[in-house]
C-alpha atoms as a PDB file:
ATOM      1  CA  UNK A   1     -26.916  -2.825   5.497  1.00  0.00           C
ATOM      2  CA  UNK A   2     -28.621   0.378   6.161  1.00  0.00           C
ATOM      3  CA  UNK A   3     -26.846   3.879   6.350  1.00  0.00           C
ATOM      4  CA  UNK A   4     -26.435   4.965   9.994  1.00  0.00           C
ATOM      5  CA  UNK A   5     -28.950   7.470  11.600  1.00  0.00           C
ATOM      6  CA  UNK A   6     -29.356  11.072  10.006  1.00  0.00           C
ATOM      7  CA  UNK A   7     -28.115  12.383  13.922  1.00  0.00           C
ATOM      8  CA  UNK A   8     -25.623   9.982  14.196  1.00  0.00           C
ATOM      9  CA  UNK A   9     -21.506  12.226  13.561  1.00  0.00           C
ATOM     10  CA  UNK A  10     -20.063  10.423  10.539  1.00  0.00           C
ATOM     11  CA  UNK A  11     -17.705   8.945  10.714  1.00  0.00           C
ATOM     12  CA  UNK A  12     -13.932  11.411   9.856  1.00  0.00           C
ATOM     13  CA  UNK A  13     -11.346   9.304   8.352  1.00  0.00           C
ATOM     14  CA  UNK A  14      -8.032  10.805   7.757  1.00  0.00           C
ATOM     15  CA  UNK A  15      -6.256   9.089   4.334  1.00  0.00           C
ATOM     16  CA  UNK A  16      -2.295   9.527   4.494  1.00  0.00           C
ATOM     17  CA  UNK A  17      -1.400  10.233   1.072  1.00  0.00           C
ATOM     18  CA  UNK A  18      -3.591  10.152  -1.075  1.00  0.00           C
ATOM     19  CA  UNK A  19      -1.821   8.861  -4.544  1.00  0.00           C
ATOM     20  CA  UNK A  20      -2.994   5.901  -6.309  1.00  0.00           C
ATOM     21  CA  UNK A  21      -3.963   3.877  -3.741  1.00  0.00           C
ATOM     22  CA  UNK A  22      -4.422   6.385  -1.091  1.00  0.00           C
ATOM     23  CA  UNK A  23      -6.832   8.346  -3.699  1.00  0.00           C
ATOM     24  CA  UNK A  24      -8.591   5.142  -4.459  1.00  0.00           C
ATOM     25  CA  UNK A  25      -9.937   4.434  -0.910  1.00  0.00           C
ATOM     26  CA  UNK A  26     -10.789   8.552  -0.074  1.00  0.00           C
ATOM     27  CA  UNK A  27     -12.840   8.479  -3.500  1.00  0.00           C
ATOM     28  CA  UNK A  28     -14.922   5.312  -2.507  1.00  0.00           C
ATOM     29  CA  UNK A  29     -14.821   6.465   1.146  1.00  0.00           C
ATOM     30  CA  UNK A  30     -16.563   9.723   0.174  1.00  0.00           C
ATOM     31  CA  UNK A  31     -19.385   8.663  -1.723  1.00  0.00           C
ATOM     32  CA  UNK A  32     -20.822   6.847   1.822  1.00  0.00           C
ATOM     33  CA  UNK A  33     -22.970   9.720   3.512  1.00  0.00           C
ATOM     34  CA  UNK A  34     -22.006   8.533   7.337  1.00  0.00           C
ATOM     35  CA  UNK A  35     -18.425   9.443   6.544  1.00  0.00           C
ATOM     36  CA  UNK A  36     -16.477  12.439   6.742  1.00  0.00           C
ATOM     37  CA  UNK A  37     -12.688  11.830   4.396  1.00  0.00           C
ATOM     38  CA  UNK A  38      -9.930  13.956   5.081  1.00  0.00           C
ATOM     39  CA  UNK A  39      -6.971  13.332   3.364  1.00  0.00           C
ATOM     40  CA  UNK A  40      -2.832  14.140   3.688  1.00  0.00           C
ATOM     41  CA  UNK A  41      -0.513  14.166   1.212  1.00  0.00           C
ATOM     42  CA  UNK A  42       2.605  16.446   0.416  1.00  0.00           C
ATOM     43  CA  UNK A  43       2.167  17.258  -2.562  1.00  0.00           C
ATOM     44  CA  UNK A  44       0.691  21.064  -2.675  1.00  0.00           C
ATOM     45  CA  UNK A  45       0.076  20.588  -6.492  1.00  0.00           C
ATOM     46  CA  UNK A  46      -2.221  17.274  -6.317  1.00  0.00           C
ATOM     47  CA  UNK A  47      -3.601  18.650  -2.878  1.00  0.00           C
ATOM     48  CA  UNK A  48      -4.336  22.302  -4.816  1.00  0.00           C
ATOM     49  CA  UNK A  49      -6.509  20.233  -7.750  1.00  0.00           C
ATOM     50  CA  UNK A  50      -8.501  18.046  -5.563  1.00  0.00           C
ATOM     51  CA  UNK A  51      -9.823  20.881  -3.924  1.00  0.00           C
ATOM     52  CA  UNK A  52     -10.839  22.854  -6.371  1.00  0.00           C
ATOM     53  CA  UNK A  53     -12.055  19.934  -8.939  1.00  0.00           C
ATOM     54  CA  UNK A  54     -12.475  17.320  -6.686  1.00  0.00           C
ATOM     55  CA  UNK A  55     -10.307  13.538  -6.766  1.00  0.00           C
ATOM     56  CA  UNK A  56     -11.119  12.371 -10.027  1.00  0.00           C
ATOM     57  CA  UNK A  57     -10.741   8.616 -10.798  1.00  0.00           C
ATOM     58  CA  UNK A  58     -10.921   7.082 -14.272  1.00  0.00           C
ATOM     59  CA  UNK A  59      -9.185   3.623 -16.087  1.00  0.00           C
ATOM     60  CA  UNK A  60     -11.276   0.820 -14.003  1.00  0.00           C
ATOM     61  CA  UNK A  61     -13.626   3.727 -12.275  1.00  0.00           C
ATOM     62  CA  UNK A  62     -15.420   6.796 -13.537  1.00  0.00           C
ATOM     63  CA  UNK A  63     -16.244   8.759 -11.191  1.00  0.00           C
ATOM     64  CA  UNK A  64     -15.415  12.627  -9.529  1.00  0.00           C
ATOM     65  CA  UNK A  65     -15.750  12.899  -5.898  1.00  0.00           C
ATOM     66  CA  UNK A  66     -15.452  15.588  -3.605  1.00  0.00           C
ATOM     67  CA  UNK A  67     -13.296  14.854  -0.943  1.00  0.00           C
ATOM     68  CA  UNK A  68     -10.901  17.504   1.680  1.00  0.00           C
ATOM     69  CA  UNK A  69      -7.753  17.854   0.856  1.00  0.00           C
ATOM     70  CA  UNK A  70      -4.884  19.008   2.899  1.00  0.00           C
ATOM     71  CA  UNK A  71      -0.890  19.387   2.442  1.00  0.00           C
ATOM     72  CA  UNK A  72      -1.005  21.301   6.357  1.00  0.00           C
ATOM     73  CA  UNK A  73      -1.871  18.221   8.818  1.00  0.00           C
ATOM     74  CA  UNK A  74      -3.155  20.714  11.436  1.00  0.00           C
ATOM     75  CA  UNK A  75      -6.197  21.782   9.379  1.00  0.00           C
ATOM     76  CA  UNK A  76      -7.206  18.172   9.697  1.00  0.00           C
ATOM     77  CA  UNK A  77      -9.982  17.923  12.716  1.00  0.00           C
ATOM     78  CA  UNK A  78      -9.438  14.535  14.538  1.00  0.00           C
ATOM     79  CA  UNK A  79     -10.357  11.779  13.041  1.00  0.00           C
ATOM     80  CA  UNK A  80     -11.143   8.321  14.726  1.00  0.00           C
ATOM     81  CA  UNK A  81      -9.882   5.768  11.612  1.00  0.00           C
ATOM     82  CA  UNK A  82      -6.624   6.795   9.003  1.00  0.00           C
ATOM     83  CA  UNK A  83      -5.527   4.711   6.238  1.00  0.00           C
ATOM     84  CA  UNK A  84      -2.004   5.566   5.671  1.00  0.00           C
ATOM     85  CA  UNK A  85      -0.806   4.817   2.223  1.00  0.00           C
ATOM     86  CA  UNK A  86       2.211   6.651   1.071  1.00  0.00           C
ATOM     87  CA  UNK A  87       5.411   4.511  -0.129  1.00  0.00           C
ATOM     88  CA  UNK A  88       7.521   3.594   2.569  1.00  0.00           C
ATOM     89  CA  UNK A  89      10.283   5.477   2.249  1.00  0.00           C
ATOM     90  CA  UNK A  90       8.095   8.189   3.429  1.00  0.00           C
ATOM     91  CA  UNK A  91       6.113   5.961   6.492  1.00  0.00           C
ATOM     92  CA  UNK A  92       8.002   8.133   9.669  1.00  0.00           C
ATOM     93  CA  UNK A  93       7.613  11.204   8.649  1.00  0.00           C
ATOM     94  CA  UNK A  94       3.776  11.104   7.063  1.00  0.00           C
ATOM     95  CA  UNK A  95       2.723   9.340  10.904  1.00  0.00           C
ATOM     96  CA  UNK A  96       5.091  12.054  12.366  1.00  0.00           C
ATOM     97  CA  UNK A  97       2.955  14.904  10.698  1.00  0.00           C
ATOM     98  CA  UNK A  98      -0.378  13.675  10.852  1.00  0.00           C
ATOM     99  CA  UNK A  99      -0.056  12.139  14.044  1.00  0.00           C
ATOM    100  CA  UNK A 100      -2.175  14.772  16.020  1.00  0.00           C
ATOM    101  CA  UNK A 101      -5.155  13.776  13.697  1.00  0.00           C
ATOM    102  CA  UNK A 102      -4.881  10.577  14.861  1.00  0.00           C
ATOM    103  CA  UNK A 103      -4.086  10.854  17.925  1.00  0.00           C
ATOM    104  CA  UNK A 104      -6.862   8.869  19.474  1.00  0.00           C
ATOM    105  CA  UNK A 105      -7.395   6.604  16.434  1.00  0.00           C
ATOM    106  CA  UNK A 106      -7.359   3.221  14.494  1.00  0.00           C
ATOM    107  CA  UNK A 107      -4.740   3.652  11.873  1.00  0.00           C
ATOM    108  CA  UNK A 108      -4.084   0.718   9.154  1.00  0.00           C
ATOM    109  CA  UNK A 109      -1.393   0.489   6.615  1.00  0.00           C
ATOM    110  CA  UNK A 110      -2.275  -0.756   3.554  1.00  0.00           C
ATOM    111  CA  UNK A 111       1.490   0.267   1.833  1.00  0.00           C
ATOM    112  CA  UNK A 112       3.584  -2.056   0.268  1.00  0.00           C
ATOM    113  CA  UNK A 113       6.016  -4.362   1.752  1.00  0.00           C
ATOM    114  CA  UNK A 114       7.201  -4.700   6.241  1.00  0.00           C
ATOM    115  CA  UNK A 115       7.749  -3.108   8.765  1.00  0.00           C
ATOM    116  CA  UNK A 116       5.128   0.315   7.850  1.00  0.00           C
ATOM    117  CA  UNK A 117       2.937  -1.149  10.600  1.00  0.00           C
ATOM    118  CA  UNK A 118       6.016  -0.596  13.574  1.00  0.00           C
ATOM    119  CA  UNK A 119       6.930   2.859  12.387  1.00  0.00           C
ATOM    120  CA  UNK A 120       3.289   3.916  12.586  1.00  0.00           C
ATOM    121  CA  UNK A 121       2.998   1.931  15.710  1.00  0.00           C
ATOM    122  CA  UNK A 122       6.099   4.614  17.950  1.00  0.00           C
ATOM    123  CA  UNK A 123       3.299   7.272  16.926  1.00  0.00           C
ATOM    124  CA  UNK A 124      -0.438   5.939  17.115  1.00  0.00           C
ATOM    125  CA  UNK A 125      -1.317   3.271  20.214  1.00  0.00           C
ATOM    126  CA  UNK A 126      -3.544   1.492  17.966  1.00  0.00           C
ATOM    127  CA  UNK A 127      -2.614  -0.496  14.839  1.00  0.00           C
ATOM    128  CA  UNK A 128      -4.468  -2.348  12.218  1.00  0.00           C
ATOM    129  CA  UNK A 129      -2.123  -4.570   9.099  1.00  0.00           C
ATOM    130  CA  UNK A 130      -3.630  -4.643   5.853  1.00  0.00           C
ATOM    131  CA  UNK A 131      -2.956  -5.658   2.739  1.00  0.00           C
ATOM    132  CA  UNK A 132      -4.879  -4.609  -0.693  1.00  0.00           C
ATOM    133  CA  UNK A 133      -4.385  -6.157  -4.091  1.00  0.00           C
ATOM    134  CA  UNK A 134      -6.115  -2.479  -5.415  1.00  0.00           C
ATOM    135  CA  UNK A 135      -3.747  -0.935  -8.099  1.00  0.00           C
ATOM    136  CA  UNK A 136      -3.222   2.232  -9.676  1.00  0.00           C
ATOM    137  CA  UNK A 137      -1.181   5.421 -10.923  1.00  0.00           C
ATOM    138  CA  UNK A 138      -1.071   9.107 -10.908  1.00  0.00           C
ATOM    139  CA  UNK A 139      -2.721  10.552 -14.403  1.00  0.00           C
ATOM    140  CA  UNK A 140      -2.170  14.290 -13.173  1.00  0.00           C
ATOM    141  CA  UNK A 141      -2.570  16.175  -9.908  1.00  0.00           C
ATOM    142  CA  UNK A 142      -6.391  15.520  -8.599  1.00  0.00           C
ATOM    143  CA  UNK A 143      -6.369  12.273 -11.053  1.00  0.00           C
ATOM    144  CA  UNK A 144      -6.080   8.475 -10.311  1.00  0.00           C
ATOM    145  CA  UNK A 145      -5.777   5.458 -12.813  1.00  0.00           C
ATOM    146  CA  UNK A 146      -7.312   2.835 -11.510  1.00  0.00           C
ATOM    147  CA  UNK A 147      -6.316  -0.625 -12.984  1.00  0.00           C
ATOM    148  CA  UNK A 148      -7.430  -3.754 -11.357  1.00  0.00           C
ATOM    149  CA  UNK A 149      -8.851  -4.529  -8.606  1.00  0.00           C
ATOM    150  CA  UNK A 150      -8.763  -6.522  -6.475  1.00  0.00           C
ATOM    151  CA  UNK A 151      -9.649  -7.342  -2.161  1.00  0.00           C
ATOM    152  CA  UNK A 152      -9.099  -5.893   1.284  1.00  0.00           C
ATOM    153  CA  UNK A 153      -7.492  -7.786   4.002  1.00  0.00           C
ATOM    154  CA  UNK A 154      -7.036  -6.220   7.769  1.00  0.00           C
ATOM    155  CA  UNK A 155      -6.153  -7.452  11.154  1.00  0.00           C
ATOM    156  CA  UNK A 156      -4.690  -6.758  14.552  1.00  0.00           C
ATOM    157  CA  UNK A 157      -1.201  -5.708  14.315  1.00  0.00           C
ATOM    158  CA  UNK A 158       0.160  -7.857  16.903  1.00  0.00           C
ATOM    159  CA  UNK A 159       2.459  -5.496  19.040  1.00  0.00           C
ATOM    160  CA  UNK A 160      -0.353  -2.426  19.251  1.00  0.00           C
ATOM    161  CA  UNK A 161      -3.481  -3.987  17.813  1.00  0.00           C
ATOM    162  CA  UNK A 162      -6.727  -1.569  17.822  1.00  0.00           C
ATOM    163  CA  UNK A 163      -9.624  -3.005  19.262  1.00  0.00           C
ATOM    164  CA  UNK A 164     -12.078  -5.736  17.379  1.00  0.00           C
ATOM    165  CA  UNK A 165     -14.817  -3.586  16.783  1.00  0.00           C
ATOM    166  CA  UNK A 166     -12.692  -0.721  14.884  1.00  0.00           C
ATOM    167  CA  UNK A 167     -10.914  -3.136  12.391  1.00  0.00           C
ATOM    168  CA  UNK A 168     -14.900  -4.490  11.886  1.00  0.00           C
ATOM    169  CA  UNK A 169     -16.616  -1.138  11.424  1.00  0.00           C
ATOM    170  CA  UNK A 170     -13.578  -0.281   8.770  1.00  0.00           C
ATOM    171  CA  UNK A 171     -14.455  -3.582   6.667  1.00  0.00           C
ATOM    172  CA  UNK A 172     -17.802  -2.681   7.118  1.00  0.00           C
ATOM    173  CA  UNK A 173     -17.220   0.800   5.940  1.00  0.00           C
ATOM    174  CA  UNK A 174     -15.041  -0.648   2.626  1.00  0.00           C
ATOM    175  CA  UNK A 175     -17.174  -2.891   2.038  1.00  0.00           C
ATOM    176  CA  UNK A 176     -19.951  -1.025   1.158  1.00  0.00           C
ATOM    177  CA  UNK A 177     -17.842   1.538  -0.802  1.00  0.00           C
ATOM    178  CA  UNK A 178     -17.859  -1.131  -2.843  1.00  0.00           C
ATOM    179  CA  UNK A 179     -14.174  -2.460  -1.884  1.00  0.00           C
ATOM    180  CA  UNK A 180     -14.326  -5.711  -0.929  1.00  0.00           C
ATOM    181  CA  UNK A 181     -13.152  -6.106   2.145  1.00  0.00           C
ATOM    182  CA  UNK A 182     -11.785  -9.388   4.836  1.00  0.00           C
ATOM    183  CA  UNK A 183     -11.056  -8.590   8.662  1.00  0.00           C
ATOM    184  CA  UNK A 184      -9.000 -11.670   9.210  1.00  0.00           C
ATOM    185  CA  UNK A 185      -7.523 -12.738  13.457  1.00  0.00           C
ATOM    186  CA  UNK A 186      -4.341 -12.587  11.698  1.00  0.00           C
ATOM    187  CA  UNK A 187      -3.584 -11.366   8.221  1.00  0.00           C
ATOM    188  CA  UNK A 188       0.709 -12.144   8.118  1.00  0.00           C
ATOM    189  CA  UNK A 189      -0.918 -14.965   5.590  1.00  0.00           C
ATOM    190  CA  UNK A 190      -2.006 -11.797   2.818  1.00  0.00           C
ATOM    191  CA  UNK A 191       0.842  -9.685   3.779  1.00  0.00           C
ATOM    192  CA  UNK A 192       3.439 -11.790   2.982  1.00  0.00           C
ATOM    193  CA  UNK A 193       1.728 -13.172   0.417  1.00  0.00           C
ATOM    194  CA  UNK A 194       1.152  -9.983  -1.969  1.00  0.00           C
ATOM    195  CA  UNK A 195       5.201  -9.741  -0.032  1.00  0.00           C
ATOM    196  CA  UNK A 196       7.144 -11.924  -2.039  1.00  0.00           C
ATOM    197  CA  UNK A 197       4.208 -11.743  -4.988  1.00  0.00           C
ATOM    198  CA  UNK A 198       5.902  -7.240  -5.049  1.00  0.00           C
ATOM    199  CA  UNK A 199       9.278  -8.526  -4.069  1.00  0.00           C
ATOM    200  CA  UNK A 200      10.048 -11.230  -7.482  1.00  0.00           C
ATOM    201  CA  UNK A 201       8.099  -8.539  -9.912  1.00  0.00           C
ATOM    202  CA  UNK A 202       8.515  -4.940  -9.386  1.00  0.00           C
ATOM    203  CA  UNK A 203      11.979  -4.523  -9.206  1.00  0.00           C
ATOM    204  CA  UNK A 204      12.426  -6.937 -11.853  1.00  0.00           C
ATOM    205  CA  UNK A 205      10.178  -4.374 -13.834  1.00  0.00           C
ATOM    206  CA  UNK A 206      12.616  -1.502 -12.889  1.00  0.00           C
ATOM    207  CA  UNK A 207      15.799  -3.115 -13.698  1.00  0.00           C
ATOM    208  CA  UNK A 208      14.542  -4.649 -17.274  1.00  0.00           C
ATOM    209  CA  UNK A 209      11.630  -2.067 -17.995  1.00  0.00           C
ATOM    210  CA  UNK A 210       9.547  -4.730 -19.520  1.00  0.00           C
ATOM    211  CA  UNK A 211       6.333  -4.592 -17.766  1.00  0.00           C
ATOM    212  CA  UNK A 212       4.498  -7.287 -15.506  1.00  0.00           C
ATOM    213  CA  UNK A 213       3.558  -9.443 -18.008  1.00  0.00           C
ATOM    214  CA  UNK A 214       6.609  -9.216 -20.458  1.00  0.00           C
ATOM    215  CA  UNK A 215       8.421  -9.945 -17.376  1.00  0.00           C
ATOM    216  CA  UNK A 216       6.422 -13.017 -16.642  1.00  0.00           C
ATOM    217  CA  UNK A 217       6.133 -14.730 -20.443  1.00  0.00           C
ATOM    218  CA  UNK A 218      10.076 -14.023 -20.928  1.00  0.00           C
ATOM    219  CA  UNK A 219      11.812 -16.894 -20.170  1.00  0.00           C
ATOM    220  CA  UNK A 220      14.997 -15.834 -18.346  1.00  0.00           C
ATOM    221  CA  UNK A 221      13.059 -12.633 -16.287  1.00  0.00           C
ATOM    222  CA  UNK A 222      10.603 -16.033 -15.223  1.00  0.00           C
ATOM    223  CA  UNK A 223      13.331 -17.921 -13.471  1.00  0.00           C
ATOM    224  CA  UNK A 224      14.586 -15.451 -11.514  1.00  0.00           C
ATOM    225  CA  UNK A 225      11.194 -14.409 -10.525  1.00  0.00           C
ATOM    226  CA  UNK A 226      10.630 -18.059  -9.428  1.00  0.00           C
ATOM    227  CA  UNK A 227      14.253 -17.666  -7.592  1.00  0.00           C
ATOM    228  CA  UNK A 228      12.612 -14.918  -5.958  1.00  0.00           C
ATOM    229  CA  UNK A 229       9.908 -16.605  -4.686  1.00  0.00           C
ATOM    230  CA  UNK A 230      11.302 -19.486  -3.793  1.00  0.00           C
ATOM    231  CA  UNK A 231      13.515 -17.547  -1.627  1.00  0.00           C
ATOM    232  CA  UNK A 232      11.039 -15.347  -0.011  1.00  0.00           C
ATOM    233  CA  UNK A 233       8.284 -18.311   0.816  1.00  0.00           C
ATOM    234  CA  UNK A 234      11.484 -20.124   2.694  1.00  0.00           C
ATOM    235  CA  UNK A 235      11.440 -16.940   4.956  1.00  0.00           C
ATOM    236  CA  UNK A 236       7.541 -17.413   5.100  1.00  0.00           C
ATOM    237  CA  UNK A 237       8.290 -20.752   6.295  1.00  0.00           C
ATOM    238  CA  UNK A 238      11.554 -20.306   9.040  1.00  0.00           C
ATOM    239  CA  UNK A 239       8.417 -17.710  10.945  1.00  0.00           C
ATOM    240  CA  UNK A 240       5.790 -20.058  10.430  1.00  0.00           C
ATOM    241  CA  UNK A 241       3.578 -18.005   8.662  1.00  0.00           C
ATOM    242  CA  UNK A 242       2.061 -19.627   5.795  1.00  0.00           C
ATOM    243  CA  UNK A 243       0.496 -17.940   2.915  1.00  0.00           C
ATOM    244  CA  UNK A 244      -2.650 -16.916   2.067  1.00  0.00           C
ATOM    245  CA  UNK A 245      -2.256 -18.514  -1.532  1.00  0.00           C
ATOM    246  CA  UNK A 246       0.632 -19.573  -3.797  1.00  0.00           C
ATOM    247  CA  UNK A 247       2.646 -16.423  -5.071  1.00  0.00           C
ATOM    248  CA  UNK A 248       4.150 -17.700  -8.123  1.00  0.00           C
ATOM    249  CA  UNK A 249       0.088 -18.568  -8.934  1.00  0.00           C
ATOM    250  CA  UNK A 250      -0.627 -15.417  -7.938  1.00  0.00           C
ATOM    251  CA  UNK A 251       1.424 -13.633 -10.653  1.00  0.00           C
ATOM    252  CA  UNK A 252       0.536 -16.123 -12.693  1.00  0.00           C
ATOM    253  CA  UNK A 253      -2.509 -14.830 -12.943  1.00  0.00           C
ATOM    254  CA  UNK A 254      -1.969 -10.894 -12.746  1.00  0.00           C
ATOM    255  CA  UNK A 255      -0.079 -10.692 -15.503  1.00  0.00           C
ATOM    256  CA  UNK A 256      -2.410 -12.777 -17.392  1.00  0.00           C
ATOM    257  CA  UNK A 257      -4.993 -11.183 -16.462  1.00  0.00           C
ATOM    258  CA  UNK A 258      -3.717  -6.863 -17.086  1.00  0.00           C
ATOM    259  CA  UNK A 259      -0.012  -7.624 -19.073  1.00  0.00           C
ATOM    260  CA  UNK A 260       0.510  -4.369 -19.429  1.00  0.00           C
ATOM    261  CA  UNK A 261       0.672  -2.885 -15.564  1.00  0.00           C
ATOM    262  CA  UNK A 262       3.725  -1.212 -15.327  1.00  0.00           C
ATOM    263  CA  UNK A 263       4.819  -1.541 -11.277  1.00  0.00           C
ATOM    264  CA  UNK A 264       4.778   1.416  -9.121  1.00  0.00           C
ATOM    265  CA  UNK A 265       8.755   0.835  -8.209  1.00  0.00           C
ATOM    266  CA  UNK A 266       8.774   1.046 -12.710  1.00  0.00           C
ATOM    267  CA  UNK A 267       7.073   4.267 -12.311  1.00  0.00           C
ATOM    268  CA  UNK A 268       9.643   5.767  -9.539  1.00  0.00           C
ATOM    269  CA  UNK A 269      12.745   4.538 -11.682  1.00  0.00           C
ATOM    270  CA  UNK A 270      11.547   6.419 -14.247  1.00  0.00           C
ATOM    271  CA  UNK A 271      10.613   9.179 -12.171  1.00  0.00           C
ATOM    272  CA  UNK A 272      14.024   8.904 -10.937  1.00  0.00           C
ATOM    273  CA  UNK A 273      12.327   8.553  -7.256  1.00  0.00           C
ATOM    274  CA  UNK A 274      13.166   6.862  -4.384  1.00  0.00           C
ATOM    275  CA  UNK A 275      11.825   3.560  -4.464  1.00  0.00           C
ATOM    276  CA  UNK A 276       9.871   1.304  -1.446  1.00  0.00           C
ATOM    277  CA  UNK A 277      12.635  -1.718  -2.064  1.00  0.00           C
ATOM    278  CA  UNK A 278      13.409  -1.179   1.247  1.00  0.00           C
ATOM    279  CA  UNK A 279      10.617  -2.328   2.528  1.00  0.00           C
ATOM    280  CA  UNK A 280      10.304  -5.330   0.027  1.00  0.00           C
ATOM    281  CA  UNK A 281      13.838  -7.181  -1.312  1.00  0.00           C
ATOM    282  CA  UNK A 282      14.959  -5.407   2.078  1.00  0.00           C
ATOM    283  CA  UNK A 283      11.967  -6.057   4.277  1.00  0.00           C
ATOM    284  CA  UNK A 284      12.785 -10.364   3.254  1.00  0.00           C
ATOM    285  CA  UNK A 285      16.186  -9.447   3.705  1.00  0.00           C
ATOM    286  CA  UNK A 286      16.481  -7.976   6.916  1.00  0.00           C
ATOM    287  CA  UNK A 287      13.428 -11.553   8.248  1.00  0.00           C
ATOM    288  CA  UNK A 288      15.896 -14.046   6.258  1.00  0.00           C
ATOM    289  CA  UNK A 289      18.536 -13.212   8.555  1.00  0.00           C
ATOM    290  CA  UNK A 290      15.751 -12.538  11.521  1.00  0.00           C
ATOM    291  CA  UNK A 291      15.401 -16.381  10.873  1.00  0.00           C
ATOM    292  CA  UNK A 292      18.941 -17.938   9.546  1.00  0.00           C
ATOM    293  CA  UNK A 293      17.531 -17.793   6.363  1.00  0.00           C
ATOM    294  CA  UNK A 294      19.902 -16.554   3.543  1.00  0.00           C
ATOM    295  CA  UNK A 295      18.110 -15.049   0.805  1.00  0.00           C
ATOM    296  CA  UNK A 296      21.448 -13.841  -2.012  1.00  0.00           C
ATOM    297  CA  UNK A 297      18.840 -13.195  -4.376  1.00  0.00           C
ATOM    298  CA  UNK A 298      16.599 -10.746  -2.562  1.00  0.00           C
ATOM    299  CA  UNK A 299      19.618  -8.718  -1.539  1.00  0.00           C
ATOM    300  CA  UNK A 300      21.467  -8.726  -5.254  1.00  0.00           C
ATOM    301  CA  UNK A 301      18.046  -7.472  -6.466  1.00  0.00           C
ATOM    302  CA  UNK A 302      17.763  -4.621  -3.435  1.00  0.00           C
ATOM    303  CA  UNK A 303      21.488  -3.447  -3.577  1.00  0.00           C
ATOM    304  CA  UNK A 304      21.041  -3.814  -8.016  1.00  0.00           C
ATOM    305  CA  UNK A 305      17.950  -0.611  -7.607  1.00  0.00           C
ATOM    306  CA  UNK A 306      19.983   0.615  -4.601  1.00  0.00           C
ATOM    307  CA  UNK A 307      22.871   1.797  -6.739  1.00  0.00           C
ATOM    308  CA  UNK A 308      20.400   2.799  -9.509  1.00  0.00           C
ATOM    309  CA  UNK A 309      18.960   5.431  -7.091  1.00  0.00           C
ATOM    310  CA  UNK A 310      22.251   6.187  -6.404  1.00  0.00           C
ATOM    311  CA  UNK A 311      23.116   6.502  -9.949  1.00  0.00           C
ATOM    312  CA  UNK A 312      20.126  10.014  -9.603  1.00  0.00           C
ATOM    313  CA  UNK A 313      19.949  11.116  -6.322  1.00  0.00           C
ATOM    314  CA  UNK A 314      24.116  10.628  -4.777  1.00  0.00           C
ATOM    315  CA  UNK A 315      22.831   8.614  -1.860  1.00  0.00           C
ATOM    316  CA  UNK A 316      22.296   4.720  -1.265  1.00  0.00           C
ATOM    317  CA  UNK A 317      18.209   5.495  -1.605  1.00  0.00           C
ATOM    318  CA  UNK A 318      16.159   3.893   0.769  1.00  0.00           C
END
């Protein structure tokens, strides 16, 4: 597909949360000649490094890209598209801060878990449900290490959907930026596949200190992973959501391809930061309660992670 005509105004995209995943989207999109990328992130040191030296990608991708990064959203012009990539614990704060920037745009969540789109929809009128299997981590201020590649799925958030043309436009831009993206009429199957996969692995890695590959290959922990997947699948079935693929197969494939991967929740616990347990296992528990499906193992795992958070923060966590 050819680039946009030279007299066309660049498409302004605001990346809300320029961490591991948001930084990858920002860097890739910023290489397109017809796109103007703005990144909003609360970490002042990270923003300063990006502004001074550019946003650097290492690992699977090696490049440095100029990105307009700000920690004050009032310095960002109105944008027609937004991608929210913060942790679920920051969704409400971040979208409230960026609401004026995105008031006239369509906003996509590519965050872990469920419940983020509902929070975004309280501040902007048109929302895109997004899922991604990209993975990485922050190496330091202004530096993102990119681990495994993975596709992105986009579709309407049913209660407050973006226009089909807006969803297609974002998908087209991401594909041109080298990020495999699929636009679907209903993306809940992909979202729940990733939700169940993450909820069965991330908190167990955080509780045990094991990498993804070590967790999968150790029989006692592998049994717990399997039981968590079964609970999550039962909730999805009760909600009438057809999973995109088998979370157990996805888990095995990911563990074999990237055995040394340290999931974000393991990194959060190591750094004594609040985790996304509320949108992962907590989200499954809440959905199960609404569907009349018991989820005692997911509830226990969520409570254990909250106990860890309490041990260093004195608060129950997410």
